[in-house]
PDB file of N, CA and C in Angstrom:
ATOM      1  N   MET A   1      14.309  16.886  17.998  1.00  0.00           N
ATOM      2  CA  MET A   1      13.714  18.520  17.668  1.00  0.00           C
ATOM      3  C   MET A   1      12.371  18.598  17.577  1.00  0.00           C
ATOM      4  N   LEU A   2      11.751  17.714  17.016  1.00  0.00           N
ATOM      5  CA  LEU A   2      10.283  17.973  16.855  1.00  0.00           C
ATOM      6  C   LEU A   2       9.485  17.547  17.812  1.00  0.00           C
ATOM      7  N   ARG A   3       9.991  17.269  18.928  1.00  0.00           N
ATOM      8  CA  ARG A   3       9.276  17.047  20.217  1.00  0.00           C
ATOM      9  C   ARG A   3       8.463  18.047  20.401  1.00  0.00           C
ATOM     10  N   PHE A   4       8.846  19.152  20.408  1.00  0.00           N
ATOM     11  CA  PHE A   4       8.305  20.668  20.631  1.00  0.00           C
ATOM     12  C   PHE A   4       7.713  21.394  19.630  1.00  0.00           C
ATOM     13  N   HIS A   5       6.543  21.754  19.389  1.00  0.00           N
ATOM     14  CA  HIS A   5       6.412  22.615  18.225  1.00  0.00           C
ATOM     15  C   HIS A   5       6.298  24.150  18.514  1.00  0.00           C
ATOM     16  N   ASN A   6       6.298  24.236  19.708  1.00  0.00           N
ATOM     17  CA  ASN A   6       6.226  25.673  20.160  1.00  0.00           C
ATOM     18  C   ASN A   6       6.905  26.059  21.716  1.00  0.00           C
ATOM     19  N   ARG A   7       6.862  27.463  21.840  1.00  0.00           N
ATOM     20  CA  ARG A   7       7.717  27.550  22.975  1.00  0.00           C
ATOM     21  C   ARG A   7       6.818  27.435  24.352  1.00  0.00           C
ATOM     22  N   ARG A   8       5.613  27.157  24.179  1.00  0.00           N
ATOM     23  CA  ARG A   8       4.827  26.789  25.458  1.00  0.00           C
ATOM     24  C   ARG A   8       5.095  25.464  25.643  1.00  0.00           C
ATOM     25  N   GLU A   9       5.328  24.664  24.733  1.00  0.00           N
ATOM     26  CA  GLU A   9       5.369  23.230  24.997  1.00  0.00           C
ATOM     27  C   GLU A   9       6.610  23.047  25.848  1.00  0.00           C
ATOM     28  N   VAL A  10       7.531  24.031  25.222  1.00  0.00           N
ATOM     29  CA  VAL A  10       8.917  23.766  25.905  1.00  0.00           C
ATOM     30  C   VAL A  10       8.744  24.085  27.291  1.00  0.00           C
ATOM     31  N   GLY A  11       8.123  25.280  27.660  1.00  0.00           N
ATOM     32  CA  GLY A  11       7.862  25.784  29.093  1.00  0.00           C
ATOM     33  C   GLY A  11       7.000  24.814  30.011  1.00  0.00           C
ATOM     34  N   GLY A  12       6.243  24.177  29.148  1.00  0.00           N
ATOM     35  CA  GLY A  12       5.271  23.035  30.054  1.00  0.00           C
ATOM     36  C   GLY A  12       5.993  21.912  30.493  1.00  0.00           C
ATOM     37  N   TYR A  13       7.115  21.454  29.396  1.00  0.00           N
ATOM     38  CA  TYR A  13       7.845  20.256  29.588  1.00  0.00           C
ATOM     39  C   TYR A  13       8.790  20.373  30.981  1.00  0.00           C
ATOM     40  N   VAL A  14       9.290  21.815  30.961  1.00  0.00           N
ATOM     41  CA  VAL A  14      10.432  21.877  31.792  1.00  0.00           C
ATOM     42  C   VAL A  14       9.606  22.143  33.264  1.00  0.00           C
ATOM     43  N   GLY A  15       8.390  22.601  33.441  1.00  0.00           N
ATOM     44  CA  GLY A  15       7.666  22.763  34.428  1.00  0.00           C
ATOM     45  C   GLY A  15       7.543  24.222  34.854  1.00  0.00           C
ATOM     46  N   LEU A  16       8.175  25.218  34.168  1.00  0.00           N
ATOM     47  CA  LEU A  16       8.075  26.535  34.319  1.00  0.00           C
ATOM     48  C   LEU A  16       6.897  27.534  33.978  1.00  0.00           C
ATOM     49  N   VAL A  17       5.722  26.674  33.995  1.00  0.00           N
ATOM     50  CA  VAL A  17       4.573  27.654  33.309  1.00  0.00           C
ATOM     51  C   VAL A  17       3.508  27.656  34.834  1.00  0.00           C
ATOM     52  N   PRO A  18       2.832  28.362  35.074  1.00  0.00           N
ATOM     53  CA  PRO A  18       2.199  28.650  35.998  1.00  0.00           C
ATOM     54  C   PRO A  18       0.668  27.631  35.999  1.00  0.00           C
ATOM     55  N   GLY A  19       0.567  27.347  37.036  1.00  0.00           N
ATOM     56  CA  GLY A  19      -0.656  26.365  37.258  1.00  0.00           C
ATOM     57  C   GLY A  19      -1.805  27.173  36.912  1.00  0.00           C
ATOM     58  N   SER A  20      -2.854  26.487  36.291  1.00  0.00           N
ATOM     59  CA  SER A  20      -4.132  27.332  36.152  1.00  0.00           C
ATOM     60  C   SER A  20      -5.455  26.748  37.179  1.00  0.00           C
ATOM     61  N   TYR A  21      -5.919  27.628  37.963  1.00  0.00           N
ATOM     62  CA  TYR A  21      -7.316  27.025  38.645  1.00  0.00           C
ATOM     63  C   TYR A  21      -8.349  27.552  38.060  1.00  0.00           C
ATOM     64  N   GLU A  22      -9.203  27.022  37.522  1.00  0.00           N
ATOM     65  CA  GLU A  22     -10.535  27.057  36.670  1.00  0.00           C
ATOM     66  C   GLU A  22     -11.748  26.339  37.312  1.00  0.00           C
ATOM     67  N   SER A  23     -12.831  27.381  37.326  1.00  0.00           N
ATOM     68  CA  SER A  23     -14.139  26.573  37.701  1.00  0.00           C
ATOM     69  C   SER A  23     -15.109  27.339  36.650  1.00  0.00           C
ATOM     70  N   GLY A  24     -16.141  26.950  36.837  1.00  0.00           N
ATOM     71  CA  GLY A  24     -17.163  27.338  36.230  1.00  0.00           C
ATOM     72  C   GLY A  24     -17.772  28.751  36.535  1.00  0.00           C
ATOM     73  N   GLU A  25     -17.509  29.039  37.984  1.00  0.00           N
ATOM     74  CA  GLU A  25     -17.918  30.597  38.504  1.00  0.00           C
ATOM     75  C   GLU A  25     -16.722  31.425  38.484  1.00  0.00           C
ATOM     76  N   ALA A  26     -15.543  31.085  38.698  1.00  0.00           N
ATOM     77  CA  ALA A  26     -14.570  31.870  38.797  1.00  0.00           C
ATOM     78  C   ALA A  26     -13.646  32.397  37.645  1.00  0.00           C
ATOM     79  N   GLN A  27     -13.145  33.161  37.493  1.00  0.00           N
ATOM     80  CA  GLN A  27     -12.299  33.584  36.611  1.00  0.00           C
ATOM     81  C   GLN A  27     -10.872  32.792  36.689  1.00  0.00           C
ATOM     82  N   ASP A  28     -10.220  32.869  35.298  1.00  0.00           N
ATOM     83  CA  ASP A  28      -8.966  31.861  35.400  1.00  0.00           C
ATOM     84  C   ASP A  28      -7.815  32.480  36.136  1.00  0.00           C
ATOM     85  N   ARG A  29      -7.469  31.751  37.326  1.00  0.00           N
ATOM     86  CA  ARG A  29      -6.439  32.262  38.137  1.00  0.00           C
ATOM     87  C   ARG A  29      -5.108  31.356  37.956  1.00  0.00           C
ATOM     88  N   LYS A  30      -3.958  32.174  38.050  1.00  0.00           N
ATOM     89  CA  LYS A  30      -2.862  31.763  37.669  1.00  0.00           C
ATOM     90  C   LYS A  30      -1.984  31.448  39.139  1.00  0.00           C
ATOM     91  N   GLY A  31      -1.504  30.309  39.292  1.00  0.00           N
ATOM     92  CA  GLY A  31      -0.823  29.693  40.560  1.00  0.00           C
ATOM     93  C   GLY A  31       0.475  29.570  40.507  1.00  0.00           C
ATOM     94  N   HIS A  32       1.177  28.685  41.341  1.00  0.00           N
ATOM     95  CA  HIS A  32       2.486  28.329  41.411  1.00  0.00           C
ATOM     96  C   HIS A  32       3.000  27.598  40.035  1.00  0.00           C
ATOM     97  N   ILE A  33       4.248  27.612  40.006  1.00  0.00           N
ATOM     98  CA  ILE A  33       4.716  26.857  38.883  1.00  0.00           C
ATOM     99  C   ILE A  33       4.251  25.314  38.736  1.00  0.00           C
ATOM    100  N   THR A  34       4.043  24.737  37.747  1.00  0.00           N
ATOM    101  CA  THR A  34       3.589  23.154  37.635  1.00  0.00           C
ATOM    102  C   THR A  34       4.620  22.069  38.253  1.00  0.00           C
ATOM    103  N   ARG A  35       5.905  22.418  38.101  1.00  0.00           N
ATOM    104  CA  ARG A  35       6.975  21.568  38.686  1.00  0.00           C
ATOM    105  C   ARG A  35       6.668  20.075  38.016  1.00  0.00           C
ATOM    106  N   GLN A  36       6.248  20.210  36.493  1.00  0.00           N
ATOM    107  CA  GLN A  36       6.395  19.142  35.700  1.00  0.00           C
ATOM    108  C   GLN A  36       7.782  18.820  35.205  1.00  0.00           C
ATOM    109  N   GLY A  37       7.957  17.872  34.847  1.00  0.00           N
ATOM    110  CA  GLY A  37       9.613  17.680  34.376  1.00  0.00           C
ATOM    111  C   GLY A  37      10.350  17.187  35.363  1.00  0.00           C
ATOM    112  N   SER A  38      11.784  17.484  34.917  1.00  0.00           N
ATOM    113  CA  SER A  38      12.683  16.871  35.518  1.00  0.00           C
ATOM    114  C   SER A  38      13.234  18.035  36.634  1.00  0.00           C
ATOM    115  N   ALA A  39      13.411  17.740  38.061  1.00  0.00           N
ATOM    116  CA  ALA A  39      13.696  18.755  38.997  1.00  0.00           C
ATOM    117  C   ALA A  39      15.404  18.751  38.637  1.00  0.00           C
ATOM    118  N   ARG A  40      16.154  17.890  38.402  1.00  0.00           N
ATOM    119  CA  ARG A  40      17.442  17.985  37.965  1.00  0.00           C
ATOM    120  C   ARG A  40      17.207  19.040  36.638  1.00  0.00           C
ATOM    121  N   LEU A  41      16.741  19.218  35.851  1.00  0.00           N
ATOM    122  CA  LEU A  41      16.922  20.151  34.675  1.00  0.00           C
ATOM    123  C   LEU A  41      16.509  21.332  35.141  1.00  0.00           C
ATOM    124  N   ARG A  42      15.562  21.505  36.187  1.00  0.00           N
ATOM    125  CA  ARG A  42      15.076  23.251  36.716  1.00  0.00           C
ATOM    126  C   ARG A  42      16.340  23.452  37.548  1.00  0.00           C
ATOM    127  N   LYS A  43      17.260  22.761  38.250  1.00  0.00           N
ATOM    128  CA  LYS A  43      18.255  23.103  38.919  1.00  0.00           C
ATOM    129  C   LYS A  43      19.327  23.625  38.123  1.00  0.00           C
ATOM    130  N   ALA A  44      19.477  22.787  37.031  1.00  0.00           N
ATOM    131  CA  ALA A  44      20.595  23.401  36.218  1.00  0.00           C
ATOM    132  C   ALA A  44      20.331  24.579  35.503  1.00  0.00           C
ATOM    133  N   LEU A  45      19.045  24.594  34.977  1.00  0.00           N
ATOM    134  CA  LEU A  45      18.436  25.906  34.656  1.00  0.00           C
ATOM    135  C   LEU A  45      18.595  27.155  35.328  1.00  0.00           C
ATOM    136  N   CYS A  46      18.586  26.859  36.671  1.00  0.00           N
ATOM    137  CA  CYS A  46      18.380  27.918  37.764  1.00  0.00           C
ATOM    138  C   CYS A  46      19.864  28.423  37.986  1.00  0.00           C
ATOM    139  N   GLN A  47      20.780  27.431  37.867  1.00  0.00           N
ATOM    140  CA  GLN A  47      22.239  27.604  38.013  1.00  0.00           C
ATOM    141  C   GLN A  47      22.871  28.472  36.799  1.00  0.00           C
ATOM    142  N   ALA A  48      22.251  28.142  35.425  1.00  0.00           N
ATOM    143  CA  ALA A  48      22.621  28.802  34.550  1.00  0.00           C
ATOM    144  C   ALA A  48      22.150  29.988  34.232  1.00  0.00           C
ATOM    145  N   THR A  49      21.093  30.358  34.853  1.00  0.00           N
ATOM    146  CA  THR A  49      20.525  31.552  34.860  1.00  0.00           C
ATOM    147  C   THR A  49      20.893  32.523  35.665  1.00  0.00           C
ATOM    148  N   TRP A  50      21.594  32.032  36.816  1.00  0.00           N
ATOM    149  CA  TRP A  50      22.168  33.194  37.709  1.00  0.00           C
ATOM    150  C   TRP A  50      23.636  33.552  36.931  1.00  0.00           C
ATOM    151  N   SER A  51      23.980  32.662  36.297  1.00  0.00           N
ATOM    152  CA  SER A  51      25.213  32.781  35.679  1.00  0.00           C
ATOM    153  C   SER A  51      25.019  33.779  34.855  1.00  0.00           C
ATOM    154  N   ARG A  52      23.867  33.868  33.947  1.00  0.00           N
ATOM    155  CA  ARG A  52      23.870  34.574  32.863  1.00  0.00           C
ATOM    156  C   ARG A  52      23.286  35.940  33.508  1.00  0.00           C
ATOM    157  N   ILE A  53      22.564  35.733  34.505  1.00  0.00           N
ATOM    158  CA  ILE A  53      22.140  37.169  35.002  1.00  0.00           C
ATOM    159  C   ILE A  53      23.471  38.123  35.646  1.00  0.00           C
ATOM    160  N   CYS A  54      24.549  37.335  36.017  1.00  0.00           N
ATOM    161  CA  CYS A  54      25.715  37.981  36.299  1.00  0.00           C
ATOM    162  C   CYS A  54      26.748  38.430  35.021  1.00  0.00           C
ATOM    163  N   HIS A  55      26.560  37.584  34.226  1.00  0.00           N
ATOM    164  CA  HIS A  55      27.385  38.066  33.034  1.00  0.00           C
ATOM    165  C   HIS A  55      27.047  38.624  31.521  1.00  0.00           C
ATOM    166  N   ASP A  56      25.518  38.067  31.574  1.00  0.00           N
ATOM    167  CA  ASP A  56      24.958  38.739  30.084  1.00  0.00           C
ATOM    168  C   ASP A  56      24.271  39.858  30.396  1.00  0.00           C
ATOM    169  N   PRO A  57      24.646  40.917  29.801  1.00  0.00           N
ATOM    170  CA  PRO A  57      23.667  42.267  29.834  1.00  0.00           C
ATOM    171  C   PRO A  57      22.458  42.113  29.552  1.00  0.00           C
ATOM    172  N   ARG A  58      21.888  41.324  28.400  1.00  0.00           N
ATOM    173  CA  ARG A  58      20.528  41.257  28.102  1.00  0.00           C
ATOM    174  C   ARG A  58      19.639  40.664  29.179  1.00  0.00           C
ATOM    175  N   THR A  59      20.195  39.351  29.832  1.00  0.00           N
ATOM    176  CA  THR A  59      19.380  38.779  30.763  1.00  0.00           C
ATOM    177  C   THR A  59      19.632  39.585  32.059  1.00  0.00           C
ATOM    178  N   ARG A  60      20.570  40.169  32.303  1.00  0.00           N
ATOM    179  CA  ARG A  60      20.627  41.087  33.687  1.00  0.00           C
ATOM    180  C   ARG A  60      19.501  42.067  33.186  1.00  0.00           C
ATOM    181  N   LEU A  61      19.259  42.599  32.180  1.00  0.00           N
ATOM    182  CA  LEU A  61      18.100  43.889  31.992  1.00  0.00           C
ATOM    183  C   LEU A  61      16.905  43.034  32.102  1.00  0.00           C
ATOM    184  N   LEU A  62      16.765  41.921  31.688  1.00  0.00           N
ATOM    185  CA  LEU A  62      15.317  41.330  31.739  1.00  0.00           C
ATOM    186  C   LEU A  62      14.995  41.120  33.156  1.00  0.00           C
ATOM    187  N   HIS A  63      15.959  40.538  33.667  1.00  0.00           N
ATOM    188  CA  HIS A  63      15.728  40.394  35.289  1.00  0.00           C
ATOM    189  C   HIS A  63      15.505  41.636  35.922  1.00  0.00           C
ATOM    190  N   GLU A  64      16.370  42.564  35.936  1.00  0.00           N
ATOM    191  CA  GLU A  64      16.046  43.905  36.476  1.00  0.00           C
ATOM    192  C   GLU A  64      14.654  44.494  36.211  1.00  0.00           C
ATOM    193  N   ARG A  65      14.204  44.245  35.093  1.00  0.00           N
ATOM    194  CA  ARG A  65      13.008  44.970  34.490  1.00  0.00           C
ATOM    195  C   ARG A  65      11.755  44.153  35.386  1.00  0.00           C
ATOM    196  N   LEU A  66      12.068  42.862  35.368  1.00  0.00           N
ATOM    197  CA  LEU A  66      10.964  42.040  36.324  1.00  0.00           C
ATOM    198  C   LEU A  66      10.965  42.314  37.600  1.00  0.00           C
ATOM    199  N   VAL A  67      12.218  42.433  38.174  1.00  0.00           N
ATOM    200  CA  VAL A  67      12.124  42.710  39.760  1.00  0.00           C
ATOM    201  C   VAL A  67      11.497  44.034  39.943  1.00  0.00           C
ATOM    202  N   LYS A  68      11.903  45.328  39.026  1.00  0.00           N
ATOM    203  CA  LYS A  68      11.346  46.550  39.176  1.00  0.00           C
ATOM    204  C   LYS A  68       9.886  46.534  39.016  1.00  0.00           C
ATOM    205  N   LYS A  69       9.296  45.751  38.226  1.00  0.00           N
ATOM    206  CA  LYS A  69       7.944  45.649  37.953  1.00  0.00           C
ATOM    207  C   LYS A  69       7.133  45.107  39.441  1.00  0.00           C
ATOM    208  N   ASN A  70       7.848  44.143  40.202  1.00  0.00           N
ATOM    209  CA  ASN A  70       7.331  43.676  41.299  1.00  0.00           C
ATOM    210  C   ASN A  70       8.417  43.444  42.258  1.00  0.00           C
ATOM    211  N   PRO A  71       9.116  44.269  43.151  1.00  0.00           N
ATOM    212  CA  PRO A  71      10.133  44.101  43.849  1.00  0.00           C
ATOM    213  C   PRO A  71      10.037  43.006  45.100  1.00  0.00           C
ATOM    214  N   ASN A  72       8.758  42.605  45.507  1.00  0.00           N
ATOM    215  CA  ASN A  72       8.667  41.768  46.422  1.00  0.00           C
ATOM    216  C   ASN A  72       8.734  40.305  45.962  1.00  0.00           C
ATOM    217  N   LYS A  73       8.492  40.078  44.533  1.00  0.00           N
ATOM    218  CA  LYS A  73       8.590  38.655  43.921  1.00  0.00           C
ATOM    219  C   LYS A  73       9.939  38.331  43.152  1.00  0.00           C
ATOM    220  N   LYS A  74      10.884  38.701  43.657  1.00  0.00           N
ATOM    221  CA  LYS A  74      12.380  38.302  43.047  1.00  0.00           C
ATOM    222  C   LYS A  74      12.454  36.981  42.327  1.00  0.00           C
ATOM    223  N   LYS A  75      11.687  35.936  43.334  1.00  0.00           N
ATOM    224  CA  LYS A  75      11.957  34.614  42.801  1.00  0.00           C
ATOM    225  C   LYS A  75      11.147  34.518  41.462  1.00  0.00           C
ATOM    226  N   ILE A  76      10.048  35.144  41.142  1.00  0.00           N
ATOM    227  CA  ILE A  76       9.267  34.891  40.032  1.00  0.00           C
ATOM    228  C   ILE A  76      10.144  35.500  38.763  1.00  0.00           C
ATOM    229  N   ALA A  77      10.873  36.591  39.116  1.00  0.00           N
ATOM    230  CA  ALA A  77      11.924  36.849  38.107  1.00  0.00           C
ATOM    231  C   ALA A  77      12.686  35.863  37.450  1.00  0.00           C
ATOM    232  N   VAL A  78      13.263  35.202  38.481  1.00  0.00           N
ATOM    233  CA  VAL A  78      14.437  34.479  38.243  1.00  0.00           C
ATOM    234  C   VAL A  78      13.632  33.133  37.464  1.00  0.00           C
ATOM    235  N   VAL A  79      12.520  32.937  37.827  1.00  0.00           N
ATOM    236  CA  VAL A  79      11.817  31.543  37.284  1.00  0.00           C
ATOM    237  C   VAL A  79      11.498  32.408  35.718  1.00  0.00           C
ATOM    238  N   ALA A  80      10.978  33.309  35.492  1.00  0.00           N
ATOM    239  CA  ALA A  80      10.731  33.913  34.274  1.00  0.00           C
ATOM    240  C   ALA A  80      11.852  33.822  33.357  1.00  0.00           C
ATOM    241  N   CYS A  81      13.183  34.168  33.846  1.00  0.00           N
ATOM    242  CA  CYS A  81      14.536  34.400  33.558  1.00  0.00           C
ATOM    243  C   CYS A  81      15.011  32.624  32.998  1.00  0.00           C
ATOM    244  N   MET A  82      14.772  31.663  33.770  1.00  0.00           N
ATOM    245  CA  MET A  82      14.793  30.176  33.699  1.00  0.00           C
ATOM    246  C   MET A  82      14.145  29.729  32.564  1.00  0.00           C
ATOM    247  N   ARG A  83      12.660  30.066  32.364  1.00  0.00           N
ATOM    248  CA  ARG A  83      11.991  29.921  31.309  1.00  0.00           C
ATOM    249  C   ARG A  83      12.359  30.249  29.683  1.00  0.00           C
ATOM    250  N   HIS A  84      12.822  31.753  29.982  1.00  0.00           N
ATOM    251  CA  HIS A  84      13.584  32.261  28.821  1.00  0.00           C
ATOM    252  C   HIS A  84      14.725  31.669  28.290  1.00  0.00           C
ATOM    253  N   LEU A  85      15.552  31.216  29.174  1.00  0.00           N
ATOM    254  CA  LEU A  85      16.882  30.666  28.813  1.00  0.00           C
ATOM    255  C   LEU A  85      16.313  28.962  28.151  1.00  0.00           C
ATOM    256  N   ALA A  86      15.479  28.599  28.796  1.00  0.00           N
ATOM    257  CA  ALA A  86      15.124  26.989  28.245  1.00  0.00           C
ATOM    258  C   ALA A  86      14.408  27.315  26.770  1.00  0.00           C
ATOM    259  N   ILE A  87      13.858  28.390  26.504  1.00  0.00           N
ATOM    260  CA  ILE A  87      13.238  28.640  25.398  1.00  0.00           C
ATOM    261  C   ILE A  87      14.483  28.909  24.211  1.00  0.00           C
ATOM    262  N   LEU A  88      15.392  29.726  24.633  1.00  0.00           N
ATOM    263  CA  LEU A  88      16.425  30.172  23.739  1.00  0.00           C
ATOM    264  C   LEU A  88      17.263  28.933  23.528  1.00  0.00           C
ATOM    265  N   MET A  89      17.497  27.940  24.595  1.00  0.00           N
ATOM    266  CA  MET A  89      18.044  26.581  24.005  1.00  0.00           C
ATOM    267  C   MET A  89      17.371  25.966  23.045  1.00  0.00           C
ATOM    268  N   TRP A  90      16.091  25.857  23.104  1.00  0.00           N
ATOM    269  CA  TRP A  90      15.384  25.022  22.165  1.00  0.00           C
ATOM    270  C   TRP A  90      15.369  25.914  20.894  1.00  0.00           C
ATOM    271  N   HIS A  91      15.412  27.051  20.789  1.00  0.00           N
ATOM    272  CA  HIS A  91      15.356  27.579  19.406  1.00  0.00           C
ATOM    273  C   HIS A  91      17.031  27.574  18.835  1.00  0.00           C
ATOM    274  N   GLN A  92      17.961  27.477  19.825  1.00  0.00           N
ATOM    275  CA  GLN A  92      19.199  27.260  19.051  1.00  0.00           C
ATOM    276  C   GLN A  92      19.150  25.855  18.707  1.00  0.00           C
ATOM    277  N   ALA A  93      18.916  24.835  19.486  1.00  0.00           N
ATOM    278  CA  ALA A  93      18.893  23.514  19.051  1.00  0.00           C
ATOM    279  C   ALA A  93      18.219  23.142  17.569  1.00  0.00           C
ATOM    280  N   VAL A  94      17.140  23.896  17.510  1.00  0.00           N
ATOM    281  CA  VAL A  94      16.195  23.628  16.274  1.00  0.00           C
ATOM    282  C   VAL A  94      17.076  24.310  15.178  1.00  0.00           C
ATOM    283  N   GLU A  95      17.686  25.436  15.412  1.00  0.00           N
ATOM    284  CA  GLU A  95      18.207  26.039  14.481  1.00  0.00           C
ATOM    285  C   GLU A  95      19.674  25.383  13.726  1.00  0.00           C
ATOM    286  N   SER A  96      20.239  24.540  14.694  1.00  0.00           N
ATOM    287  CA  SER A  96      21.085  23.864  14.414  1.00  0.00           C
ATOM    288  C   SER A  96      21.094  22.272  13.530  1.00  0.00           C
ATOM    289  N   VAL A  97      19.842  22.040  13.559  1.00  0.00           N
ATOM    290  CA  VAL A  97      19.701  20.817  12.761  1.00  0.00           C
ATOM    291  C   VAL A  97      19.233  21.017  11.697  1.00  0.00           C
ATOM    292  N   PRO A  98      20.125  20.734  10.430  1.00  0.00           N
ATOM    293  CA  PRO A  98      19.259  21.037   9.167  1.00  0.00           C
ATOM    294  C   PRO A  98      18.002  20.173   8.600  1.00  0.00           C
ATOM    295  N   GLY A  99      17.169  21.276   8.110  1.00  0.00           N
ATOM    296  CA  GLY A  99      16.217  20.678   7.519  1.00  0.00           C
ATOM    297  C   GLY A  99      14.913  20.803   8.447  1.00  0.00           C
ATOM    298  N   ILE A 100      15.179  21.407   9.560  1.00  0.00           N
ATOM    299  CA  ILE A 100      14.258  21.634  10.582  1.00  0.00           C
ATOM    300  C   ILE A 100      13.689  23.071  10.618  1.00  0.00           C
ATOM    301  N   ALA A 101      14.560  24.050  10.655  1.00  0.00           N
ATOM    302  CA  ALA A 101      14.148  25.258  10.464  1.00  0.00           C
ATOM    303  C   ALA A 101      13.582  25.867   9.355  1.00  0.00           C
ATOM    304  N   GLY A 102      12.716  26.802   9.594  1.00  0.00           N
ATOM    305  CA  GLY A 102      11.916  27.116   8.414  1.00  0.00           C
ATOM    306  C   GLY A 102      12.547  28.274   7.804  1.00  0.00           C
TER     307      GLY A 102
END
């Protein structure tokens, strides 16, 4: 459980964080997700996320809020919900191990 120190590391491990394009002359631009890590894990997270969107009101509200913000980018909303679910699972795993949670 000590492999990840914060939620950013969890998102990076799963590969659900945007890539960054940086140069000395241009501003920092965010691109497609990095896809680092296991493709199987991302597929399982995708299926679990769709299930939560259908059955969990809080996840459904998060998804609807993100889709409302940008209606043409519905896949981005699903990826954000996938990252959110991965972080929730990490928090639950950390809390379940005695002596690790603060």
